């Protein structure tokens, strides 16, 4: 099972959560950013229906995949 870590970090004059090298929007406080990260992490754990997804990798290339609805990652929030 994949593990996704949401890290609370200072960003762009406020606070954000970061997953890998991607930042969320900027929030006014650490607490608000943490609550947003906790919501996002909880939603990511929810099972759903199988779906076609597209995503961009770190090199800017786009990929298309079929995502299984029950194949959800383990998530955690740090910071």
N, C-alpha and C. Protein backbone atom coordinates (compact mmCIF):
# COMPACT_ATOMS: atom_id res chain seq x y z
N UNK A 1 0.85 -1.17 0.00
CA UNK A 1 0.00 0.00 0.00
C UNK A 1 0.89 1.24 0.00
N UNK A 2 0.53 2.19 -0.82
CA UNK A 2 1.28 3.45 -0.89
C UNK A 2 1.02 4.28 0.36
N UNK A 3 1.98 5.10 0.72
CA UNK A 3 1.83 6.01 1.85
C UNK A 3 2.01 7.43 1.34
N UNK A 4 1.08 8.31 1.69
CA UNK A 4 1.13 9.71 1.28
C UNK A 4 1.24 10.55 2.55
N UNK A 5 2.26 11.41 2.59
CA UNK A 5 2.49 12.26 3.76
C UNK A 5 2.18 13.71 3.38
N UNK A 6 1.28 14.32 4.12
CA UNK A 6 0.94 15.74 3.98
C UNK A 6 1.77 16.49 5.03
N UNK A 7 2.65 17.37 4.58
CA UNK A 7 3.52 18.12 5.49
C UNK A 7 3.04 19.57 5.55
N UNK A 8 2.91 20.09 6.76
CA UNK A 8 2.53 21.49 6.94
C UNK A 8 3.81 22.31 6.91
N UNK A 9 3.86 23.30 5.99
CA UNK A 9 5.08 24.10 5.80
C UNK A 9 4.72 25.56 5.61
N UNK A 10 5.68 26.44 5.92
CA UNK A 10 5.52 27.86 5.60
C UNK A 10 5.66 28.00 4.09
N UNK A 11 4.76 28.81 3.51
CA UNK A 11 4.77 28.93 2.05
C UNK A 11 4.11 30.23 1.62
N UNK A 12 4.78 31.00 0.79
CA UNK A 12 4.21 32.17 0.14
C UNK A 12 3.56 33.15 1.12
N UNK A 13 4.24 33.41 2.23
CA UNK A 13 3.75 34.36 3.21
C UNK A 13 2.70 33.82 4.16
N UNK A 14 2.49 32.53 4.16
CA UNK A 14 1.50 31.91 5.05
C UNK A 14 1.88 30.46 5.29
N UNK A 15 0.88 29.59 5.31
CA UNK A 15 1.09 28.17 5.56
C UNK A 15 0.38 27.36 4.49
N UNK A 16 0.93 26.20 4.18
CA UNK A 16 0.35 25.31 3.18
C UNK A 16 0.64 23.88 3.60
N UNK A 17 0.00 22.95 2.92
CA UNK A 17 0.43 21.56 3.06
C UNK A 17 1.11 21.16 1.76
N UNK A 18 2.07 20.28 1.89
CA UNK A 18 2.87 19.85 0.76
C UNK A 18 2.85 18.33 0.68
N UNK A 19 2.63 17.82 -0.52
CA UNK A 19 2.71 16.38 -0.79
C UNK A 19 3.74 16.23 -1.89
N UNK A 20 4.80 15.47 -1.61
CA UNK A 20 5.96 15.39 -2.49
C UNK A 20 6.46 16.82 -2.71
N UNK A 21 6.45 17.32 -3.93
CA UNK A 21 6.95 18.67 -4.21
C UNK A 21 5.82 19.62 -4.60
N UNK A 22 4.59 19.25 -4.28
CA UNK A 22 3.42 20.04 -4.68
C UNK A 22 2.81 20.70 -3.45
N UNK A 23 2.54 22.02 -3.56
CA UNK A 23 1.96 22.78 -2.46
C UNK A 23 0.47 22.99 -2.68
N UNK A 24 -0.25 23.05 -1.58
CA UNK A 24 -1.66 23.44 -1.62
C UNK A 24 -1.73 24.95 -1.78
N UNK A 25 -2.94 25.46 -1.73
CA UNK A 25 -3.09 26.91 -1.66
C UNK A 25 -2.50 27.39 -0.33
N UNK A 26 -2.29 28.67 -0.20
CA UNK A 26 -1.73 29.25 1.03
C UNK A 26 -2.86 29.57 2.00
N UNK A 27 -2.66 29.23 3.27
CA UNK A 27 -3.63 29.49 4.34
C UNK A 27 -3.05 30.51 5.31
N UNK A 28 -3.92 31.19 6.05
CA UNK A 28 -3.48 32.27 6.92
C UNK A 28 -2.77 31.78 8.18
N UNK A 29 -3.01 30.54 8.59
CA UNK A 29 -2.37 30.04 9.81
C UNK A 29 -2.01 28.57 9.67
N UNK A 30 -1.13 28.15 10.55
CA UNK A 30 -0.73 26.74 10.62
C UNK A 30 -1.94 25.86 10.90
N UNK A 31 -2.78 26.28 11.83
CA UNK A 31 -3.95 25.47 12.21
C UNK A 31 -4.91 25.29 11.04
N UNK A 32 -5.15 26.35 10.29
CA UNK A 32 -6.06 26.25 9.15
C UNK A 32 -5.47 25.33 8.08
N UNK A 33 -4.17 25.44 7.83
CA UNK A 33 -3.51 24.56 6.86
C UNK A 33 -3.56 23.11 7.33
N UNK A 34 -3.38 22.88 8.62
CA UNK A 34 -3.43 21.51 9.14
C UNK A 34 -4.82 20.91 8.99
N UNK A 35 -5.86 21.69 9.30
CA UNK A 35 -7.22 21.18 9.13
C UNK A 35 -7.52 20.85 7.67
N UNK A 36 -7.04 21.69 6.76
CA UNK A 36 -7.22 21.42 5.33
C UNK A 36 -6.49 20.15 4.92
N UNK A 37 -5.28 19.96 5.42
CA UNK A 37 -4.51 18.75 5.12
C UNK A 37 -5.19 17.51 5.68
N UNK A 38 -5.73 17.62 6.88
CA UNK A 38 -6.43 16.47 7.48
C UNK A 38 -7.67 16.10 6.67
N UNK A 39 -8.40 17.11 6.18
CA UNK A 39 -9.57 16.83 5.32
C UNK A 39 -9.13 16.14 4.03
N UNK A 40 -8.09 16.68 3.39
CA UNK A 40 -7.61 16.11 2.13
C UNK A 40 -7.11 14.68 2.33
N UNK A 41 -6.38 14.45 3.42
CA UNK A 41 -5.86 13.11 3.71
C UNK A 41 -7.00 12.13 3.95
N UNK A 42 -8.03 12.55 4.67
CA UNK A 42 -9.17 11.67 4.93
C UNK A 42 -9.92 11.35 3.64
N UNK A 43 -10.11 12.33 2.79
CA UNK A 43 -10.80 12.11 1.52
C UNK A 43 -10.02 11.17 0.62
N UNK A 44 -8.71 11.25 0.68
CA UNK A 44 -7.89 10.39 -0.18
C UNK A 44 -7.99 8.92 0.23
N UNK A 45 -8.32 8.66 1.48
CA UNK A 45 -8.45 7.28 1.96
C UNK A 45 -9.78 6.65 1.60
N UNK A 46 -10.77 7.45 1.17
CA UNK A 46 -12.10 6.93 0.88
C UNK A 46 -12.10 6.08 -0.39
N UNK A 47 -12.73 4.93 -0.31
CA UNK A 47 -12.89 4.09 -1.49
C UNK A 47 -13.93 4.71 -2.40
N UNK A 48 -13.82 4.42 -3.65
CA UNK A 48 -14.76 4.95 -4.62
C UNK A 48 -14.88 3.99 -5.79
N UNK A 49 -15.33 4.51 -6.89
CA UNK A 49 -15.49 3.70 -8.09
C UNK A 49 -14.21 3.74 -8.91
N UNK A 50 -14.03 2.73 -9.73
CA UNK A 50 -12.91 2.71 -10.65
C UNK A 50 -13.08 3.88 -11.62
N UNK A 51 -11.97 4.53 -11.97
CA UNK A 51 -12.06 5.72 -12.84
C UNK A 51 -10.79 5.90 -13.64
N UNK A 52 -10.93 6.51 -14.79
CA UNK A 52 -9.77 6.90 -15.60
C UNK A 52 -9.23 8.20 -15.02
N UNK A 53 -7.92 8.28 -14.84
CA UNK A 53 -7.31 9.50 -14.31
C UNK A 53 -6.17 9.94 -15.22
N UNK A 54 -5.85 11.21 -15.17
CA UNK A 54 -4.67 11.73 -15.86
C UNK A 54 -3.90 12.57 -14.86
N UNK A 55 -2.57 12.54 -14.99
CA UNK A 55 -1.73 13.30 -14.08
C UNK A 55 -0.43 13.68 -14.78
N UNK A 56 0.19 14.73 -14.26
CA UNK A 56 1.44 15.22 -14.81
C UNK A 56 2.58 14.83 -13.88
N UNK A 57 3.65 14.27 -14.42
CA UNK A 57 4.79 13.87 -13.60
C UNK A 57 5.75 15.05 -13.41
N UNK A 58 6.81 14.83 -12.65
CA UNK A 58 7.76 15.89 -12.32
C UNK A 58 8.46 16.46 -13.56
N UNK A 59 8.53 15.69 -14.64
CA UNK A 59 9.17 16.15 -15.87
C UNK A 59 8.18 16.85 -16.80
N UNK A 60 6.92 17.00 -16.36
CA UNK A 60 5.92 17.70 -17.16
C UNK A 60 5.19 16.82 -18.16
N UNK A 61 5.41 15.51 -18.12
CA UNK A 61 4.72 14.59 -19.03
C UNK A 61 3.39 14.17 -18.43
N UNK A 62 2.39 14.05 -19.29
CA UNK A 62 1.06 13.63 -18.84
C UNK A 62 0.89 12.13 -19.02
N UNK A 63 0.18 11.50 -18.07
CA UNK A 63 -0.05 10.06 -18.09
C UNK A 63 -1.54 9.80 -17.90
N UNK A 64 -2.03 8.72 -18.48
CA UNK A 64 -3.42 8.28 -18.32
C UNK A 64 -3.37 6.89 -17.69
N UNK A 65 -4.18 6.69 -16.66
CA UNK A 65 -4.25 5.39 -15.98
C UNK A 65 -5.68 5.08 -15.57
N UNK A 66 -5.92 3.83 -15.30
CA UNK A 66 -7.19 3.40 -14.73
C UNK A 66 -6.95 3.17 -13.24
N UNK A 67 -7.65 3.91 -12.39
CA UNK A 67 -7.47 3.80 -10.94
C UNK A 67 -8.56 2.93 -10.35
N UNK A 68 -8.15 1.96 -9.56
CA UNK A 68 -9.11 1.11 -8.85
C UNK A 68 -9.67 1.89 -7.68
N UNK A 69 -10.95 1.83 -7.47
CA UNK A 69 -11.59 2.57 -6.40
C UNK A 69 -11.22 2.11 -5.01
N UNK A 70 -10.83 0.84 -4.87
CA UNK A 70 -10.52 0.30 -3.55
C UNK A 70 -9.02 0.38 -3.23
N UNK A 71 -8.20 0.80 -4.18
CA UNK A 71 -6.76 0.85 -4.00
C UNK A 71 -6.37 2.23 -3.45
N UNK A 72 -6.60 2.45 -2.17
CA UNK A 72 -6.39 3.75 -1.55
C UNK A 72 -5.10 3.75 -0.73
N UNK A 73 -4.41 4.87 -0.67
CA UNK A 73 -3.16 4.94 0.08
C UNK A 73 -3.41 5.14 1.57
N UNK A 74 -2.38 4.85 2.34
CA UNK A 74 -2.35 5.22 3.75
C UNK A 74 -1.89 6.66 3.79
N UNK A 75 -2.56 7.52 4.55
CA UNK A 75 -2.20 8.93 4.60
C UNK A 75 -1.92 9.37 6.02
N UNK A 76 -1.06 10.38 6.15
CA UNK A 76 -0.75 10.96 7.44
C UNK A 76 -0.44 12.44 7.26
N UNK A 77 -0.60 13.21 8.34
CA UNK A 77 -0.30 14.64 8.32
C UNK A 77 0.82 14.88 9.33
N UNK A 78 1.87 15.60 8.90
CA UNK A 78 2.99 15.92 9.77
C UNK A 78 3.12 17.44 9.88
N UNK A 79 3.42 17.90 11.08
CA UNK A 79 3.70 19.31 11.28
C UNK A 79 2.57 20.06 11.93
